[in-house]
Amino acid sequence: MSAEPAHRLLCESGLGSCFRPLDAVEAGIDYHQLRRLEEAGIVERERRGLYRRTDIDSTRFSDVAAVCAQVPDSIVCLLTALAVHEIGTQRPHRVWIAIPQGRRTPVLARFGPRVMRFSGISLRYGVVDTEFEGVPARITSPARTVVDCFRFRSRVGTDIAYEALDDALARHHTTPDEIWRTASACRAKSLIGPILGARTY
């Protein structure tokens, strides 16, 4: 049977560049249709449990899309969020994500993401919906990303945290008030307050 009907279904499915077999089933594409799409070269098997559409162009965030497809409850954060928001000069080779505290660390051999743990309000405050190549995702806002860089400065480096703060404010990605509110919500006022007070923007 031709892959054409399956391809039409794929185009109408809303699936992004990367997806799991479960996502395909939920979009109405069964195992046999998925096999026909693979045989026709319309999708490629990236690894066990992950497919990539060949009819969607890759971008510089293709690895981010792949990780978000495999870990749908993750939050893009820290250095990867800086790169997405175009804050600072960091262009990490690995995707930084956060998952809920207590959740098992995902095994993603090819992509090897840096996995952080968030809990409580940190899973919600300053976390916004987005997408990468059509793959639904969540990411920390510019203000939240800056605050997190200071909260996790031992992981990302103090110099990077200060660069993120200065660049985000200089380029109007956020404001001192928004950073202060975010620091307050994330219980980082004692850390961020003196730093904001010592700088003039």
C-alpha atoms as a PDB file:
ATOM      1  CA  MET A   1       0.000   0.000   0.000  1.00  0.00           C
ATOM      2  CA  SER A   2       1.230   3.501  -0.823  1.00  0.00           C
ATOM      3  CA  ALA A   3       2.571   5.746   1.922  1.00  0.00           C
ATOM      4  CA  GLU A   4       0.620   8.680   0.491  1.00  0.00           C
ATOM      5  CA  PRO A   5      -2.418   8.385   2.790  1.00  0.00           C
ATOM      6  CA  ALA A   6      -0.120   8.029   5.807  1.00  0.00           C
ATOM      7  CA  HIS A   7       1.883  11.074   4.677  1.00  0.00           C
ATOM      8  CA  ARG A   8      -1.282  13.150   4.412  1.00  0.00           C
ATOM      9  CA  LEU A   9      -2.227  12.022   7.890  1.00  0.00           C
ATOM     10  CA  LEU A  10       1.250  12.950   9.131  1.00  0.00           C
ATOM     11  CA  CYS A  11       0.961  16.426   7.618  1.00  0.00           C
ATOM     12  CA  GLU A  12      -2.400  16.930   9.313  1.00  0.00           C
ATOM     13  CA  SER A  13      -1.313  15.417  12.621  1.00  0.00           C
ATOM     14  CA  GLY A  14       0.418  18.448  14.110  1.00  0.00           C
ATOM     15  CA  LEU A  15       3.438  16.342  15.005  1.00  0.00           C
ATOM     16  CA  GLY A  16       6.685  18.277  15.148  1.00  0.00           C
ATOM     17  CA  SER A  17      10.033  17.345  13.652  1.00  0.00           C
ATOM     18  CA  CYS A  18      10.636  14.685  16.305  1.00  0.00           C
ATOM     19  CA  PHE A  19       8.113  12.402  17.934  1.00  0.00           C
ATOM     20  CA  ARG A  20       7.711   9.169  19.843  1.00  0.00           C
ATOM     21  CA  PRO A  21       5.680   6.223  18.515  1.00  0.00           C
ATOM     22  CA  LEU A  22       3.166   6.978  21.285  1.00  0.00           C
ATOM     23  CA  ASP A  23       2.750  10.498  19.915  1.00  0.00           C
ATOM     24  CA  ALA A  24       2.111   9.069  16.461  1.00  0.00           C
ATOM     25  CA  VAL A  25      -0.567   6.713  17.801  1.00  0.00           C
ATOM     26  CA  GLU A  26      -2.248   9.568  19.676  1.00  0.00           C
ATOM     27  CA  ALA A  27      -2.225  11.549  16.398  1.00  0.00           C
ATOM     28  CA  GLY A  28      -3.970   8.687  14.598  1.00  0.00           C
ATOM     29  CA  ILE A  29      -0.935   7.092  12.916  1.00  0.00           C
ATOM     30  CA  ASP A  30      -0.713   3.378  13.704  1.00  0.00           C
ATOM     31  CA  TYR A  31       2.373   1.139  13.661  1.00  0.00           C
ATOM     32  CA  HIS A  32       1.852  -0.050  10.080  1.00  0.00           C
ATOM     33  CA  GLN A  33       1.414   3.497   8.763  1.00  0.00           C
ATOM     34  CA  LEU A  34       4.549   4.551  10.626  1.00  0.00           C
ATOM     35  CA  ARG A  35       6.471   1.700   8.997  1.00  0.00           C
ATOM     36  CA  ARG A  36       5.272   2.781   5.547  1.00  0.00           C
ATOM     37  CA  LEU A  37       6.393   6.331   6.266  1.00  0.00           C
ATOM     38  CA  GLU A  38       9.805   5.026   7.298  1.00  0.00           C
ATOM     39  CA  GLU A  39      10.117   2.812   4.227  1.00  0.00           C
ATOM     40  CA  ALA A  40       9.232   5.792   2.018  1.00  0.00           C
ATOM     41  CA  GLY A  41      11.891   7.939   3.697  1.00  0.00           C
ATOM     42  CA  ILE A  42       9.322  10.400   5.022  1.00  0.00           C
ATOM     43  CA  VAL A  43      10.383   9.685   8.593  1.00  0.00           C
ATOM     44  CA  GLU A  44      13.657   8.367   9.955  1.00  0.00           C
ATOM     45  CA  ARG A  45      14.266   6.403  13.102  1.00  0.00           C
ATOM     46  CA  GLU A  46      16.679   8.484  15.136  1.00  0.00           C
ATOM     47  CA  ARG A  47      16.987   5.936  17.910  1.00  0.00           C
ATOM     48  CA  ARG A  48      14.784   3.501  19.775  1.00  0.00           C
ATOM     49  CA  GLY A  49      11.564   5.319  20.600  1.00  0.00           C
ATOM     50  CA  LEU A  50      12.242   8.445  18.529  1.00  0.00           C
ATOM     51  CA  TYR A  51      11.447   9.358  14.925  1.00  0.00           C
ATOM     52  CA  ARG A  52      12.320  12.451  12.903  1.00  0.00           C
ATOM     53  CA  ARG A  53      10.331  13.857  10.008  1.00  0.00           C
ATOM     54  CA  THR A  54      12.375  14.456   6.859  1.00  0.00           C
ATOM     55  CA  ASP A  55       9.840  16.966   5.517  1.00  0.00           C
ATOM     56  CA  ILE A  56      10.682  19.492   8.260  1.00  0.00           C
ATOM     57  CA  ASP A  57      13.964  21.376   7.915  1.00  0.00           C
ATOM     58  CA  SER A  58      16.461  21.096  10.741  1.00  0.00           C
ATOM     59  CA  THR A  59      17.427  24.192  12.704  1.00  0.00           C
ATOM     60  CA  ARG A  60      20.152  24.964  15.213  1.00  0.00           C
ATOM     61  CA  PHE A  61      17.752  23.756  17.900  1.00  0.00           C
ATOM     62  CA  SER A  62      17.161  20.304  16.403  1.00  0.00           C
ATOM     63  CA  ASP A  63      18.759  18.584  19.397  1.00  0.00           C
ATOM     64  CA  VAL A  64      16.534  20.629  21.724  1.00  0.00           C
ATOM     65  CA  ALA A  65      13.486  19.487  19.758  1.00  0.00           C
ATOM     66  CA  ALA A  66      14.613  15.863  20.002  1.00  0.00           C
ATOM     67  CA  VAL A  67      15.167  16.039  23.763  1.00  0.00           C
ATOM     68  CA  CYS A  68      11.826  17.780  24.355  1.00  0.00           C
ATOM     69  CA  ALA A  69      10.062  15.146  22.254  1.00  0.00           C
ATOM     70  CA  GLN A  70      11.576  12.364  24.355  1.00  0.00           C
ATOM     71  CA  VAL A  71      11.083  14.091  27.717  1.00  0.00           C
ATOM     72  CA  PRO A  72       7.788  15.990  27.273  1.00  0.00           C
ATOM     73  CA  ASP A  73       7.579  17.120  30.907  1.00  0.00           C
ATOM     74  CA  SER A  74      11.049  18.688  30.831  1.00  0.00           C
ATOM     75  CA  ILE A  75      11.847  22.398  31.041  1.00  0.00           C
ATOM     76  CA  VAL A  76      14.560  23.910  28.843  1.00  0.00           C
ATOM     77  CA  CYS A  77      16.730  25.913  31.215  1.00  0.00           C
ATOM     78  CA  LEU A  78      20.054  27.561  32.051  1.00  0.00           C
ATOM     79  CA  LEU A  79      22.631  27.634  29.216  1.00  0.00           C
ATOM     80  CA  THR A  80      20.233  26.310  26.577  1.00  0.00           C
ATOM     81  CA  ALA A  81      17.578  28.827  27.613  1.00  0.00           C
ATOM     82  CA  LEU A  82      20.202  31.594  27.386  1.00  0.00           C
ATOM     83  CA  ALA A  83      20.986  30.526  23.816  1.00  0.00           C
ATOM     84  CA  VAL A  84      17.310  30.368  22.840  1.00  0.00           C
ATOM     85  CA  HIS A  85      16.647  33.835  24.297  1.00  0.00           C
ATOM     86  CA  GLU A  86      19.886  35.108  22.706  1.00  0.00           C
ATOM     87  CA  ILE A  87      21.265  36.267  26.030  1.00  0.00           C
ATOM     88  CA  GLY A  88      25.035  36.299  26.460  1.00  0.00           C
ATOM     89  CA  THR A  89      27.545  34.347  24.430  1.00  0.00           C
ATOM     90  CA  GLN A  90      26.914  30.763  25.556  1.00  0.00           C
ATOM     91  CA  ARG A  91      26.230  28.182  22.847  1.00  0.00           C
ATOM     92  CA  PRO A  92      26.210  24.898  24.753  1.00  0.00           C
ATOM     93  CA  HIS A  93      26.950  21.596  23.045  1.00  0.00           C
ATOM     94  CA  ARG A  94      24.560  19.774  25.356  1.00  0.00           C
ATOM     95  CA  VAL A  95      20.894  20.506  26.000  1.00  0.00           C
ATOM     96  CA  TRP A  96      20.135  21.727  29.528  1.00  0.00           C
ATOM     97  CA  ILE A  97      16.779  20.600  30.882  1.00  0.00           C
ATOM     98  CA  ALA A  98      15.078  20.384  34.259  1.00  0.00           C
ATOM     99  CA  ILE A  99      12.769  17.618  35.385  1.00  0.00           C
ATOM    100  CA  PRO A 100      10.680  17.254  38.553  1.00  0.00           C
ATOM    101  CA  GLN A 101      12.525  16.284  41.721  1.00  0.00           C
ATOM    102  CA  GLY A 102      12.355  12.541  42.220  1.00  0.00           C
ATOM    103  CA  ARG A 103      11.780  11.768  38.548  1.00  0.00           C
ATOM    104  CA  ARG A 104      14.113   9.167  37.081  1.00  0.00           C
ATOM    105  CA  THR A 105      16.875  10.662  34.933  1.00  0.00           C
ATOM    106  CA  PRO A 106      16.074  10.010  31.260  1.00  0.00           C
ATOM    107  CA  VAL A 107      18.556   7.882  29.338  1.00  0.00           C
ATOM    108  CA  LEU A 108      19.220   9.690  26.069  1.00  0.00           C
ATOM    109  CA  ALA A 109      22.486   8.211  24.862  1.00  0.00           C
ATOM    110  CA  ARG A 110      22.944  10.285  21.727  1.00  0.00           C
ATOM    111  CA  PHE A 111      21.990  13.678  23.128  1.00  0.00           C
ATOM    112  CA  GLY A 112      23.357  13.414  26.679  1.00  0.00           C
ATOM    113  CA  PRO A 113      21.434  16.367  28.154  1.00  0.00           C
ATOM    114  CA  ARG A 114      22.475  18.105  31.355  1.00  0.00           C
ATOM    115  CA  VAL A 115      19.636  17.319  33.734  1.00  0.00           C
ATOM    116  CA  MET A 116      18.681  19.608  36.618  1.00  0.00           C
ATOM    117  CA  ARG A 117      16.012  19.022  39.277  1.00  0.00           C
ATOM    118  CA  PHE A 118      13.275  21.530  40.019  1.00  0.00           C
ATOM    119  CA  SER A 119      10.565  21.235  42.646  1.00  0.00           C
ATOM    120  CA  GLY A 120       7.608  23.203  43.986  1.00  0.00           C
ATOM    121  CA  ILE A 121       7.087  26.642  42.513  1.00  0.00           C
ATOM    122  CA  SER A 122      10.296  26.300  40.485  1.00  0.00           C
ATOM    123  CA  LEU A 123       8.388  23.955  38.183  1.00  0.00           C
ATOM    124  CA  ARG A 124       5.865  26.700  37.385  1.00  0.00           C
ATOM    125  CA  TYR A 125       7.059  30.241  38.019  1.00  0.00           C
ATOM    126  CA  GLY A 126       8.621  31.882  34.985  1.00  0.00           C
ATOM    127  CA  VAL A 127       8.118  28.755  32.887  1.00  0.00           C
ATOM    128  CA  VAL A 128       6.458  29.450  29.535  1.00  0.00           C
ATOM    129  CA  ASP A 129       5.152  27.312  26.685  1.00  0.00           C
ATOM    130  CA  THR A 130       7.038  27.317  23.408  1.00  0.00           C
ATOM    131  CA  GLU A 131       7.992  24.925  20.624  1.00  0.00           C
ATOM    132  CA  PHE A 132      11.061  23.832  18.710  1.00  0.00           C
ATOM    133  CA  GLU A 133      10.482  22.719  15.118  1.00  0.00           C
ATOM    134  CA  GLY A 134       6.854  22.140  16.005  1.00  0.00           C
ATOM    135  CA  VAL A 135       7.643  20.055  19.098  1.00  0.00           C
ATOM    136  CA  PRO A 136       5.768  21.376  22.158  1.00  0.00           C
ATOM    137  CA  ALA A 137       8.133  22.459  24.905  1.00  0.00           C
ATOM    138  CA  ARG A 138       8.512  24.575  28.018  1.00  0.00           C
ATOM    139  CA  ILE A 139      11.318  26.990  28.775  1.00  0.00           C
ATOM    140  CA  THR A 140      12.318  29.356  31.545  1.00  0.00           C
ATOM    141  CA  SER A 141      11.646  33.021  30.755  1.00  0.00           C
ATOM    142  CA  PRO A 142      14.581  35.440  30.419  1.00  0.00           C
ATOM    143  CA  ALA A 143      14.173  36.688  34.004  1.00  0.00           C
ATOM    144  CA  ARG A 144      13.833  33.187  35.395  1.00  0.00           C
ATOM    145  CA  THR A 145      16.845  32.018  33.375  1.00  0.00           C
ATOM    146  CA  VAL A 146      18.997  34.822  34.799  1.00  0.00           C
ATOM    147  CA  VAL A 147      17.895  34.047  38.345  1.00  0.00           C
ATOM    148  CA  ASP A 148      18.568  30.336  37.808  1.00  0.00           C
ATOM    149  CA  CYS A 149      22.075  31.097  36.565  1.00  0.00           C
ATOM    150  CA  PHE A 150      22.799  32.635  39.968  1.00  0.00           C
ATOM    151  CA  ARG A 151      20.982  29.884  41.855  1.00  0.00           C
ATOM    152  CA  PHE A 152      23.030  27.259  40.040  1.00  0.00           C
ATOM    153  CA  ARG A 153      26.201  29.319  39.605  1.00  0.00           C
ATOM    154  CA  SER A 154      28.295  26.400  40.849  1.00  0.00           C
ATOM    155  CA  ARG A 155      27.086  24.461  37.801  1.00  0.00           C
ATOM    156  CA  VAL A 156      27.217  27.162  35.121  1.00  0.00           C
ATOM    157  CA  GLY A 157      29.896  29.497  36.471  1.00  0.00           C
ATOM    158  CA  THR A 158      29.662  32.872  38.204  1.00  0.00           C
ATOM    159  CA  ASP A 159      31.029  34.734  35.176  1.00  0.00           C
ATOM    160  CA  ILE A 160      28.241  33.345  33.004  1.00  0.00           C
ATOM    161  CA  ALA A 161      25.627  34.367  35.579  1.00  0.00           C
ATOM    162  CA  TYR A 162      26.866  37.974  35.630  1.00  0.00           C
ATOM    163  CA  GLU A 163      27.098  38.064  31.837  1.00  0.00           C
ATOM    164  CA  ALA A 164      23.512  36.796  31.598  1.00  0.00           C
ATOM    165  CA  LEU A 165      22.260  39.467  34.006  1.00  0.00           C
ATOM    166  CA  ASP A 166      24.057  42.339  32.302  1.00  0.00           C
ATOM    167  CA  ASP A 167      23.162  41.275  28.756  1.00  0.00           C
ATOM    168  CA  ALA A 168      19.512  40.477  29.510  1.00  0.00           C
ATOM    169  CA  LEU A 169      19.008  43.930  31.024  1.00  0.00           C
ATOM    170  CA  ALA A 170      21.097  45.813  28.463  1.00  0.00           C
ATOM    171  CA  ARG A 171      19.135  44.245  25.601  1.00  0.00           C
ATOM    172  CA  HIS A 172      15.783  44.696  27.352  1.00  0.00           C
ATOM    173  CA  HIS A 173      14.961  41.006  27.544  1.00  0.00           C
ATOM    174  CA  THR A 174      13.765  41.658  31.081  1.00  0.00           C
ATOM    175  CA  THR A 175      13.776  44.354  33.783  1.00  0.00           C
ATOM    176  CA  PRO A 176      15.284  44.670  37.279  1.00  0.00           C
ATOM    177  CA  ASP A 177      11.757  44.554  38.744  1.00  0.00           C
ATOM    178  CA  GLU A 178      10.950  41.334  36.926  1.00  0.00           C
ATOM    179  CA  ILE A 179      14.198  39.747  38.053  1.00  0.00           C
ATOM    180  CA  TRP A 180      13.475  40.848  41.625  1.00  0.00           C
ATOM    181  CA  ARG A 181       9.949  39.364  41.533  1.00  0.00           C
ATOM    182  CA  THR A 182      11.333  36.137  40.090  1.00  0.00           C
ATOM    183  CA  ALA A 183      14.065  35.964  42.718  1.00  0.00           C
ATOM    184  CA  SER A 184      11.439  36.510  45.400  1.00  0.00           C
ATOM    185  CA  ALA A 185       9.231  33.714  44.067  1.00  0.00           C
ATOM    186  CA  CYS A 186      12.216  31.361  43.782  1.00  0.00           C
ATOM    187  CA  ARG A 187      13.548  32.246  47.247  1.00  0.00           C
ATOM    188  CA  ALA A 188      16.675  33.870  45.892  1.00  0.00           C
ATOM    189  CA  LYS A 189      16.157  37.458  47.135  1.00  0.00           C
ATOM    190  CA  SER A 190      19.170  37.374  49.441  1.00  0.00           C
ATOM    191  CA  LEU A 191      21.312  36.301  46.506  1.00  0.00           C
ATOM    192  CA  ILE A 192      19.974  38.607  43.788  1.00  0.00           C
ATOM    193  CA  GLY A 193      19.183  41.719  45.883  1.00  0.00           C
ATOM    194  CA  PRO A 194      22.764  42.792  46.616  1.00  0.00           C
ATOM    195  CA  ILE A 195      23.789  42.152  43.010  1.00  0.00           C
ATOM    196  CA  LEU A 196      20.992  44.284  41.569  1.00  0.00           C
ATOM    197  CA  GLY A 197      21.648  46.990  44.163  1.00  0.00           C
ATOM    198  CA  ALA A 198      25.316  47.171  43.218  1.00  0.00           C
ATOM    199  CA  ARG A 199      24.587  47.725  39.528  1.00  0.00           C
ATOM    200  CA  THR A 200      23.095  50.708  37.706  1.00  0.00           C
ATOM    201  CA  TYR A 201      20.999  49.999  34.595  1.00  0.00           C
END
